[in-house]
Amino acid sequence: MAQNTVSRSLHDVGLAAWFGGTLANAVALNPAASAASGARSTGAVANAGWDRWTPVNAAAIGAHLLGSVLQLSGNKERVKSQQGVASMSLLKTGITAAALGVTAYSRVLGRKVSAHADVPAESGTEPSGGTPPEVAAAQKQLRLLQWAIPGLTGALVVISAYAGEQQRPTEVKKGVAERLLGA
């Protein structure tokens, strides 16, 4: 029981931070950076914010992944015997992989932007006329990806809630019966 609580906590807290932090940065940090004292400060403020978030985000993702692996390990019998659990687990794994891929690619782009600490910009994801072309290209991609990460991790929150419902004793009995009866 204690391992289940620890794995669930790692999974949920990690996912909450991954989702919430990236959403907050997309909603608040990137646009708010435009309030800096000038175009060069805008880029510096956005870079400083994202660079501070990166290690926290990495820890959150690590906690979520560790919790996910521990949960899957603890539920392997349910995955095999309860109707719907294996397909939900596969869907969740696929969306997790997509979220990891988008997050990793966003970090690669973010490093390109951050390498130019005081680059002129309109906001964290909007270049200005003086933004170097390679940074402007990265910012334009980040403008879209900043919403993809909370979209994917938000989907994981929903799927995780559904997975929690599947663990109710009545649902386990129903799912096992459906698997055994072939319904």
Protein backbone atom coordinates (compact mmCIF):
# COMPACT_ATOMS: atom_id res chain seq x y z
CA MET A 1 0.00 0.00 0.00
CA ALA A 2 2.82 2.44 0.87
CA GLN A 3 4.51 1.86 -2.49
CA ASN A 4 1.21 2.60 -4.23
CA THR A 5 0.90 5.90 -2.34
CA VAL A 6 4.49 6.88 -3.15
CA SER A 7 4.18 5.94 -6.82
CA ARG A 8 0.85 7.75 -7.15
CA SER A 9 2.28 10.84 -5.43
CA LEU A 10 5.38 10.94 -7.64
CA HIS A 11 3.24 10.43 -10.73
CA ASP A 12 0.63 13.05 -9.82
CA VAL A 13 2.88 15.77 -8.36
CA GLY A 14 5.36 15.42 -11.22
CA LEU A 15 2.60 15.62 -13.83
CA ALA A 16 0.96 18.57 -12.05
CA ALA A 17 4.21 20.54 -12.05
CA TRP A 18 5.00 19.64 -15.68
CA PHE A 19 1.51 20.71 -16.80
CA GLY A 20 1.10 23.72 -14.54
CA GLY A 21 4.57 25.16 -14.99
CA THR A 22 4.53 25.03 -18.76
CA LEU A 23 1.00 26.44 -18.86
CA ALA A 24 1.96 29.29 -16.51
CA ASN A 25 5.02 30.12 -18.57
CA ALA A 26 2.99 30.15 -21.80
CA VAL A 27 0.17 32.21 -20.28
CA ALA A 28 2.21 34.57 -18.11
CA LEU A 29 5.99 34.57 -18.54
CA ASN A 30 6.27 34.76 -22.31
CA PRO A 31 3.78 37.62 -22.73
CA ALA A 32 4.87 39.39 -19.53
CA ALA A 33 8.46 39.55 -20.73
CA SER A 34 7.28 42.21 -23.18
CA ALA A 35 6.82 44.55 -20.20
CA ALA A 36 10.60 44.66 -19.71
CA SER A 37 12.33 47.99 -20.14
CA GLY A 38 13.25 47.41 -23.79
CA ALA A 39 13.39 44.89 -26.62
CA ARG A 40 16.76 43.53 -25.47
CA SER A 41 15.52 43.16 -21.90
CA THR A 42 12.45 41.29 -23.14
CA GLY A 43 14.58 38.42 -24.43
CA ALA A 44 16.73 38.44 -21.30
CA VAL A 45 13.70 38.27 -18.98
CA ALA A 46 12.09 35.41 -20.92
CA ASN A 47 15.37 33.51 -21.07
CA ALA A 48 16.00 33.94 -17.35
CA GLY A 49 12.52 32.68 -16.52
CA TRP A 50 12.71 29.62 -18.75
CA ASP A 51 16.28 28.84 -17.64
CA ARG A 52 15.10 28.88 -14.00
CA TRP A 53 12.15 26.63 -14.84
CA THR A 54 14.20 24.02 -16.74
CA PRO A 55 15.72 22.16 -13.74
CA VAL A 56 12.38 22.18 -11.90
CA ASN A 57 10.66 20.86 -15.01
CA ALA A 58 13.29 18.13 -15.40
CA ALA A 59 12.75 17.05 -11.79
CA ALA A 60 8.97 17.09 -12.28
CA ILE A 61 9.23 14.96 -15.42
CA GLY A 62 11.59 12.56 -13.66
CA ALA A 63 9.20 12.20 -10.72
CA HIS A 64 6.27 11.63 -13.06
CA LEU A 65 8.14 8.99 -15.06
CA LEU A 66 9.39 7.19 -11.95
CA GLY A 67 5.87 7.21 -10.50
CA SER A 68 4.45 5.95 -13.79
CA VAL A 69 6.89 3.04 -13.96
CA LEU A 70 6.22 2.12 -10.33
CA GLN A 71 2.46 2.29 -10.90
CA LEU A 72 2.66 0.15 -14.00
CA SER A 73 4.81 -2.38 -12.17
CA GLY A 74 2.39 -2.48 -9.25
CA ASN A 75 -0.60 -2.88 -11.57
CA LYS A 76 0.79 -5.43 -14.04
CA GLU A 77 -1.80 -8.03 -13.04
CA ARG A 78 -4.62 -5.53 -13.58
CA VAL A 79 -3.13 -4.62 -16.96
CA LYS A 80 -3.32 -8.29 -17.96
CA SER A 81 -6.65 -9.20 -16.41
CA GLN A 82 -8.91 -6.11 -16.40
CA GLN A 83 -10.62 -5.15 -19.64
CA GLY A 84 -9.58 -1.68 -20.84
CA VAL A 85 -6.53 -1.20 -18.62
CA ALA A 86 -3.96 -2.31 -21.20
CA SER A 87 -5.39 -0.04 -23.92
CA MET A 88 -5.55 2.90 -21.50
CA SER A 89 -1.94 2.21 -20.47
CA LEU A 90 -0.81 2.14 -24.11
CA LEU A 91 -2.63 5.40 -24.88
CA LYS A 92 -1.12 7.03 -21.82
CA THR A 93 2.36 5.79 -22.73
CA GLY A 94 1.99 7.14 -26.28
CA ILE A 95 0.87 10.58 -25.09
CA THR A 96 3.66 10.61 -22.49
CA ALA A 97 6.19 9.86 -25.24
CA ALA A 98 4.75 12.68 -27.37
CA ALA A 99 4.89 15.11 -24.42
CA LEU A 100 8.49 14.11 -23.72
CA GLY A 101 9.42 14.59 -27.38
CA VAL A 102 7.80 18.01 -27.59
CA THR A 103 9.38 19.03 -24.28
CA ALA A 104 12.84 17.89 -25.41
CA TYR A 105 12.53 19.66 -28.77
CA SER A 106 11.29 22.80 -27.03
CA ARG A 107 14.37 22.70 -24.80
CA VAL A 108 16.63 22.44 -27.86
CA LEU A 109 14.91 25.49 -29.34
CA GLY A 110 15.00 27.26 -25.97
CA ARG A 111 18.74 26.77 -25.77
CA LYS A 112 19.13 28.42 -29.18
CA VAL A 113 17.17 31.41 -27.90
CA SER A 114 18.88 31.44 -24.49
CA ALA A 115 22.34 31.39 -26.05
CA HIS A 116 21.62 35.00 -27.08
CA ALA A 117 20.91 36.35 -23.58
CA ASP A 118 19.89 39.87 -24.51
CA VAL A 119 18.46 39.34 -27.97
CA PRO A 120 15.77 41.83 -28.95
CA ALA A 121 12.25 40.36 -28.87
CA GLU A 122 8.62 41.43 -28.63
CA SER A 123 7.87 38.68 -26.08
CA GLY A 124 9.30 35.33 -25.03
CA THR A 125 8.06 33.71 -28.21
CA GLU A 126 7.69 36.65 -30.57
CA PRO A 127 10.74 38.02 -32.37
CA SER A 128 11.22 41.69 -33.17
CA GLY A 129 12.77 43.21 -36.27
CA GLY A 130 16.21 43.07 -34.63
CA THR A 131 16.04 39.41 -33.59
CA PRO A 132 18.73 37.32 -35.32
CA PRO A 133 17.14 34.97 -37.91
CA GLU A 134 18.08 31.69 -36.17
CA VAL A 135 16.63 32.96 -32.88
CA ALA A 136 13.50 34.28 -34.62
CA ALA A 137 12.94 30.88 -36.25
CA ALA A 138 13.27 29.12 -32.88
CA GLN A 139 10.89 31.62 -31.23
CA LYS A 140 8.27 31.07 -33.93
CA GLN A 141 8.39 27.31 -33.33
CA LEU A 142 8.28 27.83 -29.58
CA ARG A 143 5.16 29.98 -29.98
CA LEU A 144 3.31 26.84 -31.10
CA LEU A 145 5.06 24.32 -28.88
CA GLN A 146 4.42 26.32 -25.71
CA TRP A 147 0.76 25.25 -26.05
CA ALA A 148 1.46 21.68 -27.19
CA ILE A 149 3.14 20.70 -23.92
CA PRO A 150 0.28 21.73 -21.59
CA GLY A 151 -2.15 20.27 -24.14
CA LEU A 152 -0.45 16.88 -24.05
CA THR A 153 0.18 16.89 -20.30
CA GLY A 154 -3.41 18.06 -19.73
CA ALA A 155 -4.56 15.02 -21.71
CA LEU A 156 -2.42 12.91 -19.37
CA VAL A 157 -4.19 14.45 -16.37
CA VAL A 158 -7.55 13.42 -17.86
CA ILE A 159 -6.37 9.90 -18.71
CA SER A 160 -4.87 9.55 -15.22
CA ALA A 161 -8.22 10.47 -13.69
CA TYR A 162 -9.88 7.82 -15.85
CA ALA A 163 -7.20 5.30 -14.80
CA GLY A 164 -7.94 6.10 -11.17
CA GLU A 165 -11.60 5.34 -11.77
CA GLN A 166 -10.62 1.99 -13.28
CA GLN A 167 -9.03 1.06 -9.94
CA ARG A 168 -12.28 1.24 -8.02
CA PRO A 169 -13.11 -2.26 -6.74
CA THR A 170 -16.41 -2.36 -8.63
CA GLU A 171 -14.65 -1.39 -11.87
CA VAL A 172 -11.92 -3.98 -11.34
CA LYS A 173 -14.54 -6.73 -10.85
CA LYS A 174 -16.50 -5.54 -13.89
CA GLY A 175 -13.35 -5.29 -16.05
CA VAL A 176 -12.09 -8.73 -15.04
CA ALA A 177 -15.51 -10.25 -15.71
CA GLU A 178 -15.66 -8.61 -19.15
CA ARG A 179 -12.20 -9.93 -19.98
CA LEU A 180 -13.09 -13.45 -18.84
CA LEU A 181 -16.46 -13.47 -20.62
CA GLY A 182 -15.06 -11.87 -23.75
CA ALA A 183 -17.60 -9.06 -23.60
